[in-house]
Amino acid sequence: MTVIYPSPIFGPVHSRRLGVSLGINLLPEDGKVCSFDCIYCECGFNADHRAKKPLPTREEVRTALEVRLQDMQQNGPKPDVLTFAGNGEPTAHPHFPEIIEDTLALRDKYFPNAKVSVLSNSTFIHRPAVFDALNKIDNNILKLDTVDEEYIRTVDRPNAHYSVAEIIEHMKAFKGNCIIQTMFMKGSYQGKDVDNTSDKYVLPWLEAVKEIKPRQVMIYTIDRETPDHDLCKATHEELDRIAALIKETGIPVSVSY
């Protein structure tokens, strides 16, 4: 009997921030594996969506990716980027470093001009093998929604040890070979204000960004329906104000409204 598992490859899709993106999901499609339980995650809260199937193996990922790249080479479209994202935290996969090695080799073989991107919660960058793997890719996109720990525990809801100070120190160790990605939003959660667009949150975050010295900052806001319906998009004007502050530091910034 042959058992066919869902492919870990999805897309290509058009990304607001990355162009034509071929997605690589290292997590089961039946649920999430993530170090955060964000109240704004489009997939729903982790606690209610735990994965039941095993993670795709290194070989399954490599084979599925090669098949898809071969098809795209013959039939298009040409990918701008191969993106590790999807249903949770890609760096949580136990073979993430080896999968990155495979992906870089396949990229070089089929689409050498495509970029390899990883969108990460930054929670495993203290692991040397994960750090080294992220240092090899083109777009090492690290999440930092704020430097306020209380806000992080309310909004991002880490489900293991989390220290903003430790995260920032590990980000600094990339020596600029990273992109900081930050979600700005408004609204409330369980009666608490979760607006991180004010100077109370923006200015300390900006100081941390200046210390990290990333090559770029990506700021964005809610794009889809969220599981908690009291959350609101940040306005164009608010995002533009924050972007202007970043530009004053000399760091390039992109804004997704």
Protein backbone atom coordinates (compact mmCIF):
# COMPACT_ATOMS: atom_id res chain seq x y z
CA MET A 1 0.00 0.00 0.00
CA THR A 2 1.29 3.45 -0.92
CA VAL A 3 0.68 6.29 1.49
CA ILE A 4 0.76 9.75 -0.08
CA TYR A 5 1.53 12.55 2.34
CA PRO A 6 0.73 16.21 1.66
CA SER A 7 3.67 17.93 -0.02
CA PRO A 8 5.75 20.23 2.20
CA ILE A 9 6.00 22.56 -0.81
CA PHE A 10 3.27 25.11 -1.50
CA GLY A 11 2.77 27.82 -4.07
CA PRO A 12 4.14 29.59 -5.88
CA VAL A 13 2.28 32.47 -4.30
CA HIS A 14 2.68 36.22 -4.56
CA SER A 15 3.99 37.57 -1.28
CA ARG A 16 3.44 41.15 -0.15
CA ARG A 17 7.07 41.37 0.90
CA LEU A 18 8.98 38.76 -1.14
CA GLY A 19 7.58 38.63 -4.67
CA VAL A 20 6.88 35.27 -6.38
CA SER A 21 7.55 32.88 -3.54
CA LEU A 22 7.73 29.10 -3.48
CA GLY A 23 6.88 28.09 0.07
CA ILE A 24 8.55 25.33 2.06
CA ASN A 25 6.57 24.19 5.09
CA LEU A 26 8.58 22.00 7.48
CA LEU A 27 5.56 21.32 9.66
CA PRO A 28 2.52 19.04 9.32
CA GLU A 29 -0.50 20.45 7.52
CA ASP A 30 -2.85 19.18 10.23
CA GLY A 31 -1.63 21.63 12.86
CA LYS A 32 1.06 23.97 14.12
CA VAL A 33 4.45 23.48 15.70
CA CYS A 34 5.53 26.85 16.97
CA SER A 35 7.38 28.52 19.81
CA PHE A 36 4.82 31.36 19.81
CA ASP A 37 1.05 31.31 20.21
CA CYS A 38 0.39 34.73 18.66
CA ILE A 39 -3.08 36.19 19.11
CA TYR A 40 -2.96 37.51 15.53
CA CYS A 41 -1.80 34.31 13.81
CA GLU A 42 -4.03 33.53 10.83
CA CYS A 43 -3.75 29.81 11.61
CA GLY A 44 -5.40 30.18 15.01
CA PHE A 45 -3.92 29.76 18.47
CA ASN A 46 -1.39 26.95 18.88
CA ALA A 47 -3.17 25.45 21.88
CA ASP A 48 -6.11 24.49 19.69
CA HIS A 49 -4.12 23.45 16.63
CA ARG A 50 -1.38 21.09 17.79
CA ALA A 51 0.02 18.92 15.01
CA LYS A 52 -0.80 15.22 15.18
CA LYS A 53 1.13 13.94 12.16
CA PRO A 54 4.94 13.63 12.11
CA LEU A 55 7.13 16.32 10.61
CA PRO A 56 8.21 15.79 7.00
CA THR A 57 11.63 14.17 6.84
CA ARG A 58 14.70 15.76 5.31
CA GLU A 59 14.43 13.41 2.34
CA GLU A 60 10.73 14.15 1.83
CA VAL A 61 11.44 17.87 1.76
CA ARG A 62 14.38 17.54 -0.60
CA THR A 63 12.52 15.26 -3.03
CA ALA A 64 9.35 17.37 -3.07
CA LEU A 65 11.34 20.56 -3.58
CA GLU A 66 13.34 19.13 -6.46
CA VAL A 67 10.20 17.86 -8.21
CA ARG A 68 8.58 21.29 -7.91
CA LEU A 69 11.69 23.16 -9.07
CA GLN A 70 12.01 20.87 -12.08
CA ASP A 71 8.39 21.60 -12.99
CA MET A 72 8.87 25.34 -12.58
CA GLN A 73 12.01 25.22 -14.71
CA GLN A 74 10.01 23.65 -17.52
CA ASN A 75 6.65 25.37 -17.09
CA GLY A 76 7.20 28.44 -14.93
CA PRO A 77 6.73 30.70 -13.19
CA LYS A 78 10.27 31.54 -12.25
CA PRO A 79 10.50 31.96 -8.45
CA ASP A 80 12.00 35.09 -6.93
CA VAL A 81 12.48 33.38 -3.59
CA LEU A 82 12.25 30.01 -1.84
CA THR A 83 10.61 30.81 1.47
CA PHE A 84 10.59 28.76 4.65
CA ALA A 85 7.35 29.78 6.31
CA GLY A 86 3.95 28.16 6.62
CA ASN A 87 2.32 26.57 9.60
CA GLY A 88 4.57 27.58 12.50
CA GLU A 89 8.29 27.92 13.26
CA PRO A 90 10.57 26.37 10.59
CA THR A 91 13.71 26.41 12.74
CA ALA A 92 11.96 24.08 15.21
CA HIS A 93 12.45 21.20 12.76
CA PRO A 94 15.24 18.95 14.13
CA HIS A 95 16.87 18.74 10.69
CA PHE A 96 16.46 22.40 9.75
CA PRO A 97 20.22 23.00 9.20
CA GLU A 98 20.53 19.99 6.87
CA ILE A 99 17.38 20.98 4.98
CA ILE A 100 18.88 24.42 4.41
CA GLU A 101 21.99 22.79 2.92
CA ASP A 102 19.79 20.74 0.54
CA THR A 103 17.74 23.79 -0.41
CA LEU A 104 20.77 25.91 -1.23
CA ALA A 105 22.17 23.13 -3.43
CA LEU A 106 18.86 22.71 -5.29
CA ARG A 107 18.48 26.48 -5.69
CA ASP A 108 21.96 26.69 -7.19
CA LYS A 109 21.11 23.85 -9.57
CA TYR A 110 17.75 25.08 -10.87
CA PHE A 111 17.32 28.81 -10.15
CA PRO A 112 20.67 30.28 -9.04
CA ASN A 113 19.27 33.82 -9.03
CA ALA A 114 16.45 32.98 -6.62
CA LYS A 115 16.86 33.94 -3.00
CA VAL A 116 16.38 31.63 -0.02
CA SER A 117 14.43 33.20 2.83
CA VAL A 118 13.51 32.02 6.30
CA LEU A 119 10.84 33.76 8.38
CA SER A 120 11.65 32.96 11.98
CA ASN A 121 10.40 33.82 15.45
CA SER A 122 14.07 34.16 16.47
CA THR A 123 13.55 31.70 19.33
CA PHE A 124 16.08 29.09 18.19
CA ILE A 125 18.89 31.34 16.98
CA HIS A 126 20.83 30.52 20.16
CA ARG A 127 21.43 27.03 18.74
CA PRO A 128 24.78 27.08 16.86
CA ALA A 129 23.59 24.88 13.98
CA VAL A 130 20.46 27.00 13.44
CA PHE A 131 22.50 30.20 13.68
CA ASP A 132 25.01 28.93 11.11
CA ALA A 133 22.25 27.81 8.73
CA LEU A 134 20.53 31.21 8.90
CA ASN A 135 23.85 32.91 8.28
CA LYS A 136 24.16 31.07 4.94
CA ILE A 137 20.83 32.08 3.40
CA ASP A 138 19.97 35.25 1.49
CA ASN A 139 17.16 36.59 3.66
CA ASN A 140 17.42 35.81 7.36
CA ILE A 141 14.14 37.41 8.49
CA LEU A 142 13.85 37.60 12.27
CA LYS A 143 10.75 38.57 14.21
CA LEU A 144 10.95 41.33 16.82
CA ASP A 145 7.51 42.84 17.48
CA THR A 146 8.67 44.92 20.45
CA VAL A 147 11.23 44.92 23.25
CA ASP A 148 8.54 45.07 25.93
CA GLU A 149 8.41 41.63 27.57
CA GLU A 150 4.91 42.11 28.98
CA TYR A 151 3.62 42.97 25.50
CA ILE A 152 5.34 39.91 24.04
CA ARG A 153 3.78 37.64 26.65
CA THR A 154 0.35 39.13 25.93
CA VAL A 155 0.54 39.18 22.13
CA ASP A 156 3.20 36.71 20.92
CA ARG A 157 2.68 34.38 23.88
CA PRO A 158 5.96 32.37 23.85
CA ASN A 159 5.42 28.83 25.12
CA ALA A 160 8.97 28.32 26.42
CA HIS A 161 11.80 30.40 27.84
CA TYR A 162 11.96 33.81 26.17
CA SER A 163 14.22 36.74 26.98
CA VAL A 164 14.23 39.90 24.85
CA ALA A 165 17.76 40.74 25.98
CA GLU A 166 19.07 37.31 24.94
CA ILE A 167 17.27 37.46 21.60
CA ILE A 168 18.76 40.86 20.83
CA GLU A 169 22.28 39.70 21.70
CA HIS A 170 21.95 36.73 19.34
CA MET A 171 20.58 39.00 16.61
CA LYS A 172 23.58 41.29 17.02
CA ALA A 173 25.84 38.27 16.50
CA PHE A 174 24.70 38.09 12.86
CA LYS A 175 26.67 41.33 12.35
CA GLY A 176 24.07 42.83 10.03
CA ASN A 177 23.29 39.64 8.10
CA CYS A 178 19.62 39.73 9.04
CA ILE A 179 16.34 41.47 8.38
CA ILE A 180 14.12 42.53 11.27
CA GLN A 181 10.40 41.99 10.71
CA THR A 182 7.88 43.69 13.00
CA MET A 183 4.09 43.52 13.15
CA PHE A 184 2.37 46.74 14.23
CA MET A 185 -1.28 46.67 15.16
CA LYS A 186 -3.96 48.19 17.36
CA GLY A 187 -6.97 47.00 19.32
CA SER A 188 -7.35 45.02 22.53
CA TYR A 189 -7.04 41.48 23.84
CA GLN A 190 -8.87 40.36 26.98
CA GLY A 191 -9.31 43.99 27.96
CA LYS A 192 -5.64 44.89 27.43
CA ASP A 193 -4.57 47.53 24.93
CA VAL A 194 -2.26 45.94 22.34
CA ASP A 195 -1.42 49.05 20.32
CA ASN A 196 2.36 48.97 19.73
CA THR A 197 2.42 51.96 17.34
CA SER A 198 2.98 54.61 20.05
CA ASP A 199 6.36 56.01 21.08
CA LYS A 200 6.13 53.98 24.31
CA TYR A 201 6.82 50.87 22.22
CA VAL A 202 8.35 52.25 19.03
CA LEU A 203 11.27 54.25 20.49
CA PRO A 204 12.78 51.45 22.66
CA TRP A 205 12.28 49.03 19.77
CA LEU A 206 14.05 51.46 17.45
CA GLU A 207 17.03 51.65 19.82
CA ALA A 208 17.28 47.85 19.77
CA VAL A 209 17.12 47.85 15.96
CA LYS A 210 19.99 50.36 15.88
CA GLU A 211 22.04 48.02 18.10
CA ILE A 212 21.27 44.98 15.92
CA LYS A 213 22.18 46.91 12.73
CA PRO A 214 20.17 44.73 10.32
CA ARG A 215 20.58 45.30 6.63
CA GLN A 216 16.84 45.99 6.37
CA VAL A 217 13.69 46.36 8.45
CA MET A 218 10.28 45.11 7.29
CA ILE A 219 7.25 46.55 9.03
CA TYR A 220 3.71 45.45 8.35
CA THR A 221 0.28 45.09 9.87
CA ILE A 222 -2.57 42.59 9.97
CA ASP A 223 -3.50 41.40 6.48
CA ARG A 224 -6.11 38.69 7.11
CA GLU A 225 -8.84 37.81 9.53
CA THR A 226 -7.41 36.96 12.93
CA PRO A 227 -8.72 34.51 15.54
CA ASP A 228 -9.21 37.39 17.98
CA HIS A 229 -11.59 39.87 16.38
CA ASP A 230 -10.76 42.88 18.59
CA LEU A 231 -7.49 43.45 16.74
CA CYS A 232 -7.13 46.26 14.19
CA LYS A 233 -4.76 47.24 11.41
CA ALA A 234 -2.25 49.99 12.00
CA THR A 235 -3.02 52.91 9.69
CA HIS A 236 -0.94 53.94 6.69
CA GLU A 237 -0.02 57.13 8.54
CA GLU A 238 1.18 55.25 11.62
CA LEU A 239 3.30 52.85 9.58
CA ASP A 240 4.73 55.70 7.52
CA ARG A 241 5.69 57.55 10.73
CA ILE A 242 7.54 54.51 12.04
CA ALA A 243 9.20 53.96 8.66
CA ALA A 244 10.43 57.57 8.66
CA LEU A 245 12.07 57.02 12.06
CA ILE A 246 13.88 53.96 10.72
CA LYS A 247 15.03 55.80 7.60
CA GLU A 248 16.59 58.48 9.81
CA THR A 249 18.94 55.81 11.17
CA GLY A 250 20.14 54.98 7.65
CA ILE A 251 18.64 51.47 7.69
CA PRO A 252 16.51 50.60 4.62
CA VAL A 253 12.88 49.87 5.43
CA SER A 254 9.93 48.36 3.57
CA VAL A 255 6.30 48.86 4.56
CA SER A 256 3.37 46.50 3.88
CA TYR A 257 0.01 48.08 4.59
